[in-house]
Amino acid sequence: MITIDKSINAIDENDLTKIFESFSINRQYKRESLVNYKEDMIDSFMELLNKLLAQQTGLSKEQKLDTINLLDKLKTQKENLELIKSYISPSDVEQAAERLGKKSQSAFEFK
């Protein structure tokens, strides 16, 4: 006998775990572009969750609260990324200053 469920889930919990692992933060970022990429991912996922809250009237109060808590955690992650970005940016400025200093020194070298 064949039984048919009312819902078909193509997404496994392991798939969701992999998605959420991509939002984890590594404190050792060396390039600002990686931080920007993570911020964009978080923004996109937050937008998706906001649309889910706005469109899904069938969600229970508990599911809505869980979604709101997740949005809050993602916002915190984004703030942490902004903090990390502020640590990366000064080092970039220092590197640019060193390069500019070397260029100006080579311009004034006597031959």
PDB file of N, CA and C in Angstrom:
ATOM      1  N   MET A   1       0.833  -1.172   0.000  1.00  0.00           N
ATOM      2  CA  MET A   1       0.000   0.000   0.000  1.00  0.00           C
ATOM      3  C   MET A   1       0.883   1.242   0.000  1.00  0.00           C
ATOM      4  N   ILE A   2       0.555   2.211  -0.789  1.00  0.00           N
ATOM      5  CA  ILE A   2       1.319   3.447  -0.904  1.00  0.00           C
ATOM      6  C   ILE A   2       0.650   4.512  -0.048  1.00  0.00           C
ATOM      7  N   THR A   3       1.462   5.159   0.778  1.00  0.00           N
ATOM      8  CA  THR A   3       0.940   6.267   1.579  1.00  0.00           C
ATOM      9  C   THR A   3       1.584   7.551   1.085  1.00  0.00           C
ATOM     10  N   ILE A   4       0.808   8.573   1.039  1.00  0.00           N
ATOM     11  CA  ILE A   4       1.295   9.867   0.565  1.00  0.00           C
ATOM     12  C   ILE A   4       1.151  10.870   1.701  1.00  0.00           C
ATOM     13  N   ASP A   5       2.256  11.509   2.033  1.00  0.00           N
ATOM     14  CA  ASP A   5       2.214  12.560   3.048  1.00  0.00           C
ATOM     15  C   ASP A   5       1.681  13.837   2.427  1.00  0.00           C
ATOM     16  N   LYS A   6       1.179  14.710   3.282  1.00  0.00           N
ATOM     17  CA  LYS A   6       0.657  15.987   2.785  1.00  0.00           C
ATOM     18  C   LYS A   6       1.781  16.941   2.392  1.00  0.00           C
ATOM     19  N   SER A   7       2.959  16.714   2.938  1.00  0.00           N
ATOM     20  CA  SER A   7       4.077  17.586   2.591  1.00  0.00           C
ATOM     21  C   SER A   7       5.238  16.759   2.065  1.00  0.00           C
ATOM     22  N   ILE A   8       5.939  17.314   1.137  1.00  0.00           N
ATOM     23  CA  ILE A   8       7.110  16.676   0.569  1.00  0.00           C
ATOM     24  C   ILE A   8       8.303  17.549   0.921  1.00  0.00           C
ATOM     25  N   ASN A   9       9.217  17.019   1.692  1.00  0.00           N
ATOM     26  CA  ASN A   9      10.383  17.778   2.130  1.00  0.00           C
ATOM     27  C   ASN A   9      11.603  17.333   1.340  1.00  0.00           C
ATOM     28  N   ALA A  10      12.073  18.212   0.514  1.00  0.00           N
ATOM     29  CA  ALA A  10      13.287  17.931  -0.243  1.00  0.00           C
ATOM     30  C   ALA A  10      14.512  18.424   0.507  1.00  0.00           C
ATOM     31  N   ILE A  11      14.288  19.224   1.549  1.00  0.00           N
ATOM     32  CA  ILE A  11      15.385  19.789   2.321  1.00  0.00           C
ATOM     33  C   ILE A  11      15.555  18.977   3.591  1.00  0.00           C
ATOM     34  N   ASP A  12      16.748  18.519   3.807  1.00  0.00           N
ATOM     35  CA  ASP A  12      17.085  17.733   4.978  1.00  0.00           C
ATOM     36  C   ASP A  12      17.661  18.667   6.048  1.00  0.00           C
ATOM     37  N   GLU A  13      17.652  18.249   7.304  1.00  0.00           N
ATOM     38  CA  GLU A  13      18.230  19.065   8.367  1.00  0.00           C
ATOM     39  C   GLU A  13      19.716  19.300   8.144  1.00  0.00           C
ATOM     40  N   ASN A  14      20.407  18.346   7.563  1.00  0.00           N
ATOM     41  CA  ASN A  14      21.829  18.518   7.274  1.00  0.00           C
ATOM     42  C   ASN A  14      22.060  19.654   6.281  1.00  0.00           C
ATOM     43  N   ASP A  15      21.142  19.809   5.333  1.00  0.00           N
ATOM     44  CA  ASP A  15      21.251  20.903   4.369  1.00  0.00           C
ATOM     45  C   ASP A  15      21.134  22.243   5.079  1.00  0.00           C
ATOM     46  N   LEU A  16      20.191  22.341   5.995  1.00  0.00           N
ATOM     47  CA  LEU A  16      20.018  23.584   6.747  1.00  0.00           C
ATOM     48  C   LEU A  16      21.225  23.870   7.635  1.00  0.00           C
ATOM     49  N   THR A  17      21.797  22.822   8.200  1.00  0.00           N
ATOM     50  CA  THR A  17      22.989  22.997   9.032  1.00  0.00           C
ATOM     51  C   THR A  17      24.128  23.570   8.203  1.00  0.00           C
ATOM     52  N   LYS A  18      24.293  23.076   6.991  1.00  0.00           N
ATOM     53  CA  LYS A  18      25.349  23.588   6.108  1.00  0.00           C
ATOM     54  C   LYS A  18      25.120  25.057   5.776  1.00  0.00           C
ATOM     55  N   ILE A  19      23.873  25.429   5.571  1.00  0.00           N
ATOM     56  CA  ILE A  19      23.563  26.824   5.271  1.00  0.00           C
ATOM     57  C   ILE A  19      23.931  27.712   6.450  1.00  0.00           C
ATOM     58  N   PHE A  20      23.540  27.297   7.648  1.00  0.00           N
ATOM     59  CA  PHE A  20      23.813  28.123   8.816  1.00  0.00           C
ATOM     60  C   PHE A  20      25.296  28.162   9.166  1.00  0.00           C
ATOM     61  N   GLU A  21      26.034  27.132   8.815  1.00  0.00           N
ATOM     62  CA  GLU A  21      27.477  27.160   9.035  1.00  0.00           C
ATOM     63  C   GLU A  21      28.143  28.229   8.176  1.00  0.00           C
ATOM     64  N   SER A  22      27.559  28.541   7.050  1.00  0.00           N
ATOM     65  CA  SER A  22      28.141  29.572   6.192  1.00  0.00           C
ATOM     66  C   SER A  22      28.007  30.962   6.801  1.00  0.00           C
ATOM     67  N   PHE A  23      27.140  31.106   7.800  1.00  0.00           N
ATOM     68  CA  PHE A  23      26.996  32.394   8.480  1.00  0.00           C
ATOM     69  C   PHE A  23      27.948  32.550   9.657  1.00  0.00           C
ATOM     70  N   SER A  24      28.709  31.505   9.989  1.00  0.00           N
ATOM     71  CA  SER A  24      29.624  31.593  11.116  1.00  0.00           C
ATOM     72  C   SER A  24      30.746  32.572  10.790  1.00  0.00           C
ATOM     73  N   ILE A  25      31.310  33.121  11.840  1.00  0.00           N
ATOM     74  CA  ILE A  25      32.318  34.173  11.672  1.00  0.00           C
ATOM     75  C   ILE A  25      33.677  33.658  12.096  1.00  0.00           C
ATOM     76  N   ASN A  26      34.653  33.906  11.247  1.00  0.00           N
ATOM     77  CA  ASN A  26      36.041  33.608  11.534  1.00  0.00           C
ATOM     78  C   ASN A  26      36.708  34.930  11.907  1.00  0.00           C
ATOM     79  N   ARG A  27      37.329  34.990  13.031  1.00  0.00           N
ATOM     80  CA  ARG A  27      37.942  36.248  13.503  1.00  0.00           C
ATOM     81  C   ARG A  27      39.240  36.582  12.769  1.00  0.00           C
ATOM     82  N   GLN A  28      39.668  35.757  11.868  1.00  0.00           N
ATOM     83  CA  GLN A  28      40.946  35.943  11.203  1.00  0.00           C
ATOM     84  C   GLN A  28      40.820  36.414   9.755  1.00  0.00           C
ATOM     85  N   TYR A  29      39.771  37.163   9.430  1.00  0.00           N
ATOM     86  CA  TYR A  29      39.617  37.633   8.050  1.00  0.00           C
ATOM     87  C   TYR A  29      40.750  38.584   7.705  1.00  0.00           C
ATOM     88  N   LYS A  30      41.270  38.413   6.500  1.00  0.00           N
ATOM     89  CA  LYS A  30      42.357  39.275   6.062  1.00  0.00           C
ATOM     90  C   LYS A  30      41.919  40.262   4.981  1.00  0.00           C
ATOM     91  N   ARG A  31      40.819  39.948   4.330  1.00  0.00           N
ATOM     92  CA  ARG A  31      40.351  40.831   3.256  1.00  0.00           C
ATOM     93  C   ARG A  31      38.938  41.317   3.568  1.00  0.00           C
ATOM     94  N   GLU A  32      38.728  42.564   3.280  1.00  0.00           N
ATOM     95  CA  GLU A  32      37.424  43.173   3.513  1.00  0.00           C
ATOM     96  C   GLU A  32      36.370  42.596   2.575  1.00  0.00           C
ATOM     97  N   SER A  33      36.778  42.127   1.409  1.00  0.00           N
ATOM     98  CA  SER A  33      35.828  41.567   0.450  1.00  0.00           C
ATOM     99  C   SER A  33      35.131  40.322   1.006  1.00  0.00           C
ATOM    100  N   LEU A  34      35.843  39.512   1.788  1.00  0.00           N
ATOM    101  CA  LEU A  34      35.216  38.337   2.411  1.00  0.00           C
ATOM    102  C   LEU A  34      34.169  38.744   3.430  1.00  0.00           C
ATOM    103  N   VAL A  35      34.465  39.775   4.183  1.00  0.00           N
ATOM    104  CA  VAL A  35      33.509  40.275   5.175  1.00  0.00           C
ATOM    105  C   VAL A  35      32.284  40.833   4.461  1.00  0.00           C
ATOM    106  N   ASN A  36      32.496  41.560   3.376  1.00  0.00           N
ATOM    107  CA  ASN A  36      31.372  42.097   2.603  1.00  0.00           C
ATOM    108  C   ASN A  36      30.505  40.978   2.034  1.00  0.00           C
ATOM    109  N   TYR A  37      31.144  39.898   1.584  1.00  0.00           N
ATOM    110  CA  TYR A  37      30.413  38.752   1.049  1.00  0.00           C
ATOM    111  C   TYR A  37      29.521  38.137   2.126  1.00  0.00           C
ATOM    112  N   LYS A  38      30.074  37.944   3.327  1.00  0.00           N
ATOM    113  CA  LYS A  38      29.287  37.396   4.443  1.00  0.00           C
ATOM    114  C   LYS A  38      28.128  38.325   4.783  1.00  0.00           C
ATOM    115  N   GLU A  39      28.374  39.629   4.785  1.00  0.00           N
ATOM    116  CA  GLU A  39      27.307  40.587   5.073  1.00  0.00           C
ATOM    117  C   GLU A  39      26.195  40.497   4.034  1.00  0.00           C
ATOM    118  N   ASP A  40      26.562  40.368   2.775  1.00  0.00           N
ATOM    119  CA  ASP A  40      25.566  40.239   1.709  1.00  0.00           C
ATOM    120  C   ASP A  40      24.740  38.965   1.879  1.00  0.00           C
ATOM    121  N   MET A  41      25.397  37.866   2.257  1.00  0.00           N
ATOM    122  CA  MET A  41      24.678  36.617   2.492  1.00  0.00           C
ATOM    123  C   MET A  41      23.674  36.779   3.627  1.00  0.00           C
ATOM    124  N   ILE A  42      24.103  37.403   4.701  1.00  0.00           N
ATOM    125  CA  ILE A  42      23.215  37.601   5.843  1.00  0.00           C
ATOM    126  C   ILE A  42      22.056  38.508   5.465  1.00  0.00           C
ATOM    127  N   ASP A  43      22.342  39.589   4.723  1.00  0.00           N
ATOM    128  CA  ASP A  43      21.267  40.497   4.281  1.00  0.00           C
ATOM    129  C   ASP A  43      20.232  39.760   3.443  1.00  0.00           C
ATOM    130  N   SER A  44      20.703  38.939   2.529  1.00  0.00           N
ATOM    131  CA  SER A  44      19.780  38.201   1.659  1.00  0.00           C
ATOM    132  C   SER A  44      18.920  37.228   2.454  1.00  0.00           C
ATOM    133  N   PHE A  45      19.537  36.539   3.400  1.00  0.00           N
ATOM    134  CA  PHE A  45      18.780  35.585   4.199  1.00  0.00           C
ATOM    135  C   PHE A  45      17.790  36.300   5.114  1.00  0.00           C
ATOM    136  N   MET A  46      18.190  37.449   5.641  1.00  0.00           N
ATOM    137  CA  MET A  46      17.275  38.226   6.482  1.00  0.00           C
ATOM    138  C   MET A  46      16.080  38.717   5.671  1.00  0.00           C
ATOM    139  N   GLU A  47      16.330  39.110   4.437  1.00  0.00           N
ATOM    140  CA  GLU A  47      15.245  39.541   3.560  1.00  0.00           C
ATOM    141  C   GLU A  47      14.281  38.382   3.301  1.00  0.00           C
ATOM    142  N   LEU A  48      14.830  37.201   3.080  1.00  0.00           N
ATOM    143  CA  LEU A  48      13.998  36.015   2.874  1.00  0.00           C
ATOM    144  C   LEU A  48      13.129  35.730   4.105  1.00  0.00           C
ATOM    145  N   LEU A  49      13.724  35.804   5.283  1.00  0.00           N
ATOM    146  CA  LEU A  49      12.967  35.555   6.513  1.00  0.00           C
ATOM    147  C   LEU A  49      11.890  36.613   6.736  1.00  0.00           C
ATOM    148  N   ASN A  50      12.199  37.857   6.417  1.00  0.00           N
ATOM    149  CA  ASN A  50      11.188  38.915   6.548  1.00  0.00           C
ATOM    150  C   ASN A  50      10.012  38.673   5.608  1.00  0.00           C
ATOM    151  N   LYS A  51      10.303  38.228   4.387  1.00  0.00           N
ATOM    152  CA  LYS A  51       9.229  37.904   3.446  1.00  0.00           C
ATOM    153  C   LYS A  51       8.417  36.716   3.948  1.00  0.00           C
ATOM    154  N   LEU A  52       9.096  35.753   4.529  1.00  0.00           N
ATOM    155  CA  LEU A  52       8.420  34.590   5.090  1.00  0.00           C
ATOM    156  C   LEU A  52       7.449  35.019   6.189  1.00  0.00           C
ATOM    157  N   LEU A  53       7.894  35.903   7.046  1.00  0.00           N
ATOM    158  CA  LEU A  53       7.021  36.392   8.120  1.00  0.00           C
ATOM    159  C   LEU A  53       5.833  37.163   7.565  1.00  0.00           C
ATOM    160  N   ALA A  54       6.076  37.934   6.519  1.00  0.00           N
ATOM    161  CA  ALA A  54       5.012  38.759   5.950  1.00  0.00           C
ATOM    162  C   ALA A  54       3.991  37.926   5.173  1.00  0.00           C
ATOM    163  N   GLN A  55       4.433  36.868   4.507  1.00  0.00           N
ATOM    164  CA  GLN A  55       3.557  36.109   3.619  1.00  0.00           C
ATOM    165  C   GLN A  55       2.895  34.906   4.273  1.00  0.00           C
ATOM    166  N   GLN A  56       3.566  34.265   5.204  1.00  0.00           N
ATOM    167  CA  GLN A  56       3.062  33.023   5.779  1.00  0.00           C
ATOM    168  C   GLN A  56       2.126  33.302   6.942  1.00  0.00           C
ATOM    169  N   THR A  57       0.845  33.267   6.677  1.00  0.00           N
ATOM    170  CA  THR A  57      -0.124  33.455   7.746  1.00  0.00           C
ATOM    171  C   THR A  57      -0.362  32.155   8.495  1.00  0.00           C
ATOM    172  N   GLY A  58       0.106  31.029   7.969  1.00  0.00           N
ATOM    173  CA  GLY A  58      -0.101  29.734   8.591  1.00  0.00           C
ATOM    174  C   GLY A  58       0.934  29.400   9.658  1.00  0.00           C
ATOM    175  N   LEU A  59       1.864  30.301   9.913  1.00  0.00           N
ATOM    176  CA  LEU A  59       2.871  30.043  10.933  1.00  0.00           C
ATOM    177  C   LEU A  59       2.257  30.222  12.321  1.00  0.00           C
ATOM    178  N   SER A  60       2.643  29.351  13.233  1.00  0.00           N
ATOM    179  CA  SER A  60       2.170  29.501  14.609  1.00  0.00           C
ATOM    180  C   SER A  60       2.937  30.636  15.285  1.00  0.00           C
ATOM    181  N   LYS A  61       2.458  31.059  16.428  1.00  0.00           N
ATOM    182  CA  LYS A  61       3.139  32.135  17.166  1.00  0.00           C
ATOM    183  C   LYS A  61       4.550  31.704  17.543  1.00  0.00           C
ATOM    184  N   GLU A  62       4.706  30.452  17.902  1.00  0.00           N
ATOM    185  CA  GLU A  62       6.024  29.949  18.276  1.00  0.00           C
ATOM    186  C   GLU A  62       6.985  29.986  17.088  1.00  0.00           C
ATOM    187  N   GLN A  63       6.501  29.601  15.902  1.00  0.00           N
ATOM    188  CA  GLN A  63       7.337  29.652  14.705  1.00  0.00           C
ATOM    189  C   GLN A  63       7.706  31.086  14.355  1.00  0.00           C
ATOM    190  N   LYS A  64       6.765  31.996  14.513  1.00  0.00           N
ATOM    191  CA  LYS A  64       7.056  33.404  14.238  1.00  0.00           C
ATOM    192  C   LYS A  64       8.095  33.940  15.221  1.00  0.00           C
ATOM    193  N   LEU A  65       7.957  33.584  16.502  1.00  0.00           N
ATOM    194  CA  LEU A  65       8.929  34.030  17.499  1.00  0.00           C
ATOM    195  C   LEU A  65      10.311  33.445  17.216  1.00  0.00           C
ATOM    196  N   ASP A  66      10.360  32.186  16.815  1.00  0.00           N
ATOM    197  CA  ASP A  66      11.639  31.565  16.459  1.00  0.00           C
ATOM    198  C   ASP A  66      12.277  32.282  15.279  1.00  0.00           C
ATOM    199  N   THR A  67      11.463  32.648  14.302  1.00  0.00           N
ATOM    200  CA  THR A  67      11.970  33.367  13.126  1.00  0.00           C
ATOM    201  C   THR A  67      12.477  34.744  13.524  1.00  0.00           C
ATOM    202  N   ILE A  68      11.753  35.429  14.394  1.00  0.00           N
ATOM    203  CA  ILE A  68      12.179  36.753  14.859  1.00  0.00           C
ATOM    204  C   ILE A  68      13.478  36.645  15.656  1.00  0.00           C
ATOM    205  N   ASN A  69      13.588  35.612  16.492  1.00  0.00           N
ATOM    206  CA  ASN A  69      14.839  35.401  17.236  1.00  0.00           C
ATOM    207  C   ASN A  69      15.999  35.129  16.299  1.00  0.00           C
ATOM    208  N   LEU A  70      15.754  34.365  15.246  1.00  0.00           N
ATOM    209  CA  LEU A  70      16.795  34.094  14.252  1.00  0.00           C
ATOM    210  C   LEU A  70      17.204  35.384  13.544  1.00  0.00           C
ATOM    211  N   LEU A  71      16.234  36.220  13.214  1.00  0.00           N
ATOM    212  CA  LEU A  71      16.548  37.512  12.592  1.00  0.00           C
ATOM    213  C   LEU A  71      17.416  38.363  13.520  1.00  0.00           C
ATOM    214  N   ASP A  72      17.116  38.326  14.807  1.00  0.00           N
ATOM    215  CA  ASP A  72      17.898  39.083  15.779  1.00  0.00           C
ATOM    216  C   ASP A  72      19.330  38.561  15.853  1.00  0.00           C
ATOM    217  N   LYS A  73      19.497  37.238  15.828  1.00  0.00           N
ATOM    218  CA  LYS A  73      20.831  36.646  15.854  1.00  0.00           C
ATOM    219  C   LYS A  73      21.619  36.991  14.593  1.00  0.00           C
ATOM    220  N   LEU A  74      20.933  36.992  13.459  1.00  0.00           N
ATOM    221  CA  LEU A  74      21.604  37.360  12.205  1.00  0.00           C
ATOM    222  C   LEU A  74      22.023  38.825  12.222  1.00  0.00           C
ATOM    223  N   LYS A  75      21.199  39.668  12.812  1.00  0.00           N
ATOM    224  CA  LYS A  75      21.548  41.084  12.922  1.00  0.00           C
ATOM    225  C   LYS A  75      22.780  41.259  13.797  1.00  0.00           C
ATOM    226  N   THR A  76      22.863  40.470  14.862  1.00  0.00           N
ATOM    227  CA  THR A  76      24.043  40.500  15.728  1.00  0.00           C
ATOM    228  C   THR A  76      25.278  40.030  14.969  1.00  0.00           C
ATOM    229  N   GLN A  77      25.130  38.977  14.165  1.00  0.00           N
ATOM    230  CA  GLN A  77      26.245  38.501  13.341  1.00  0.00           C
ATOM    231  C   GLN A  77      26.725  39.593  12.392  1.00  0.00           C
ATOM    232  N   LYS A  78      25.782  40.302  11.810  1.00  0.00           N
ATOM    233  CA  LYS A  78      26.139  41.377  10.885  1.00  0.00           C
ATOM    234  C   LYS A  78      26.882  42.495  11.611  1.00  0.00           C
ATOM    235  N   GLU A  79      26.442  42.821  12.819  1.00  0.00           N
ATOM    236  CA  GLU A  79      27.142  43.838  13.606  1.00  0.00           C
ATOM    237  C   GLU A  79      28.560  43.379  13.948  1.00  0.00           C
ATOM    238  N   ASN A  80      28.728  42.092  14.251  1.00  0.00           N
ATOM    239  CA  ASN A  80      30.063  41.558  14.510  1.00  0.00           C
ATOM    240  C   ASN A  80      30.946  41.659  13.271  1.00  0.00           C
ATOM    241  N   LEU A  81      30.364  41.400  12.114  1.00  0.00           N
ATOM    242  CA  LEU A  81      31.125  41.534  10.864  1.00  0.00           C
ATOM    243  C   LEU A  81      31.539  42.985  10.626  1.00  0.00           C
ATOM    244  N   GLU A  82      30.678  43.923  10.961  1.00  0.00           N
ATOM    245  CA  GLU A  82      31.029  45.338  10.818  1.00  0.00           C
ATOM    246  C   GLU A  82      32.179  45.701  11.744  1.00  0.00           C
ATOM    247  N   LEU A  83      32.186  45.128  12.939  1.00  0.00           N
ATOM    248  CA  LEU A  83      33.291  45.349  13.865  1.00  0.00           C
ATOM    249  C   LEU A  83      34.586  44.776  13.309  1.00  0.00           C
ATOM    250  N   ILE A  84      34.512  43.571  12.775  1.00  0.00           N
ATOM    251  CA  ILE A  84      35.697  42.954  12.159  1.00  0.00           C
ATOM    252  C   ILE A  84      36.186  43.790  10.990  1.00  0.00           C
ATOM    253  N   LYS A  85      35.250  44.318  10.210  1.00  0.00           N
ATOM    254  CA  LYS A  85      35.628  45.156   9.068  1.00  0.00           C
ATOM    255  C   LYS A  85      36.387  46.398   9.536  1.00  0.00           C
ATOM    256  N   SER A  86      35.995  46.948  10.676  1.00  0.00           N
ATOM    257  CA  SER A  86      36.686  48.135  11.189  1.00  0.00           C
ATOM    258  C   SER A  86      38.118  47.802  11.614  1.00  0.00           C
ATOM    259  N   TYR A  87      38.359  46.550  12.021  1.00  0.00           N
ATOM    260  CA  TYR A  87      39.729  46.135  12.349  1.00  0.00           C
ATOM    261  C   TYR A  87      40.556  45.902  11.094  1.00  0.00           C
ATOM    262  N   ILE A  88      39.919  45.446  10.031  1.00  0.00           N
ATOM    263  CA  ILE A  88      40.640  45.172   8.786  1.00  0.00           C
ATOM    264  C   ILE A  88      41.014  46.479   8.088  1.00  0.00           C
ATOM    265  N   SER A  89      40.114  47.420   8.057  1.00  0.00           N
ATOM    266  CA  SER A  89      40.324  48.658   7.306  1.00  0.00           C
ATOM    267  C   SER A  89      41.560  49.441   7.743  1.00  0.00           C
ATOM    268  N   PRO A  90      41.806  49.623   9.044  1.00  0.00           N
ATOM    269  CA  PRO A  90      43.027  50.364   9.400  1.00  0.00           C
ATOM    270  C   PRO A  90      44.291  49.687   8.911  1.00  0.00           C
ATOM    271  N   SER A  91      44.349  48.359   8.931  1.00  0.00           N
ATOM    272  CA  SER A  91      45.550  47.687   8.440  1.00  0.00           C
ATOM    273  C   SER A  91      45.732  47.927   6.944  1.00  0.00           C
ATOM    274  N   ASP A  92      44.630  47.997   6.205  1.00  0.00           N
ATOM    275  CA  ASP A  92      44.711  48.306   4.782  1.00  0.00           C
ATOM    276  C   ASP A  92      45.270  49.709   4.575  1.00  0.00           C
ATOM    277  N   VAL A  93      44.848  50.618   5.413  1.00  0.00           N
ATOM    278  CA  VAL A  93      45.336  51.998   5.317  1.00  0.00           C
ATOM    279  C   VAL A  93      46.827  52.044   5.635  1.00  0.00           C
ATOM    280  N   GLU A  94      47.239  51.274   6.649  1.00  0.00           N
ATOM    281  CA  GLU A  94      48.659  51.235   6.996  1.00  0.00           C
ATOM    282  C   GLU A  94      49.490  50.668   5.851  1.00  0.00           C
ATOM    283  N   GLN A  95      49.000  49.627   5.204  1.00  0.00           N
ATOM    284  CA  GLN A  95      49.719  49.043   4.072  1.00  0.00           C
ATOM    285  C   GLN A  95      49.827  50.042   2.928  1.00  0.00           C
ATOM    286  N   ALA A  96      48.745  50.750   2.667  1.00  0.00           N
ATOM    287  CA  ALA A  96      48.774  51.751   1.595  1.00  0.00           C
ATOM    288  C   ALA A  96      49.758  52.864   1.944  1.00  0.00           C
ATOM    289  N   ALA A  97      49.801  53.252   3.211  1.00  0.00           N
ATOM    290  CA  ALA A  97      50.741  54.299   3.628  1.00  0.00           C
ATOM    291  C   ALA A  97      52.179  53.838   3.451  1.00  0.00           C
ATOM    292  N   GLU A  98      52.458  52.583   3.784  1.00  0.00           N
ATOM    293  CA  GLU A  98      53.810  52.058   3.596  1.00  0.00           C
ATOM    294  C   GLU A  98      54.198  52.058   2.121  1.00  0.00           C
ATOM    295  N   ARG A  99      53.291  51.614   1.262  1.00  0.00           N
ATOM    296  CA  ARG A  99      53.578  51.591  -0.178  1.00  0.00           C
ATOM    297  C   ARG A  99      53.828  52.999  -0.708  1.00  0.00           C
ATOM    298  N   LEU A 100      52.986  53.923  -0.276  1.00  0.00           N
ATOM    299  CA  LEU A 100      53.131  55.311  -0.721  1.00  0.00           C
ATOM    300  C   LEU A 100      54.442  55.885  -0.208  1.00  0.00           C
ATOM    301  N   GLY A 101      54.795  55.532   1.016  1.00  0.00           N
ATOM    302  CA  GLY A 101      56.062  56.002   1.575  1.00  0.00           C
ATOM    303  C   GLY A 101      57.244  55.470   0.797  1.00  0.00           C
ATOM    304  N   LYS A 102      57.196  54.211   0.422  1.00  0.00           N
ATOM    305  CA  LYS A 102      58.279  53.612  -0.358  1.00  0.00           C
ATOM    306  C   LYS A 102      58.380  54.260  -1.728  1.00  0.00           C
ATOM    307  N   LYS A 103      57.227  54.553  -2.332  1.00  0.00           N
ATOM    308  CA  LYS A 103      57.241  55.185  -3.651  1.00  0.00           C
ATOM    309  C   LYS A 103      57.836  56.587  -3.567  1.00  0.00           C
ATOM    310  N   SER A 104      57.468  57.320  -2.522  1.00  0.00           N
ATOM    311  CA  SER A 104      57.988  58.685  -2.410  1.00  0.00           C
ATOM    312  C   SER A 104      59.469  58.670  -2.105  1.00  0.00           C
ATOM    313  N   GLN A 105      59.956  57.682  -1.359  1.00  0.00           N
ATOM    314  CA  GLN A 105      61.390  57.572  -1.088  1.00  0.00           C
ATOM    315  C   GLN A 105      62.153  57.267  -2.347  1.00  0.00           C
ATOM    316  N   SER A 106      61.595  56.384  -3.185  1.00  0.00           N
ATOM    317  CA  SER A 106      62.296  56.025  -4.417  1.00  0.00           C
ATOM    318  C   SER A 106      62.303  57.195  -5.394  1.00  0.00           C
ATOM    319  N   ALA A 107      61.354  58.075  -5.291  1.00  0.00           N
ATOM    320  CA  ALA A 107      61.298  59.224  -6.184  1.00  0.00           C
ATOM    321  C   ALA A 107      62.392  60.233  -5.855  1.00  0.00           C
ATOM    322  N   PHE A 108      62.832  60.241  -4.582  1.00  0.00           N
ATOM    323  CA  PHE A 108      63.840  61.221  -4.146  1.00  0.00           C
ATOM    324  C   PHE A 108      65.221  60.632  -3.993  1.00  0.00           C
ATOM    325  N   GLU A 109      65.420  59.398  -4.423  1.00  0.00           N
ATOM    326  CA  GLU A 109      66.736  58.796  -4.339  1.00  0.00           C
ATOM    327  C   GLU A 109      67.677  59.477  -5.323  1.00  0.00           C
ATOM    328  N   PHE A 110      68.895  59.646  -4.867  1.00  0.00           N
ATOM    329  CA  PHE A 110      69.898  60.266  -5.724  1.00  0.00           C
ATOM    330  C   PHE A 110      70.626  59.203  -6.508  1.00  0.00           C
ATOM    331  N   LYS A 111      70.896  59.519  -7.753  1.00  0.00           N
ATOM    332  CA  LYS A 111      71.594  58.564  -8.614  1.00  0.00           C
ATOM    333  C   LYS A 111      72.969  59.076  -8.913  1.00  0.00           C
TER     334      LYS A 111
END
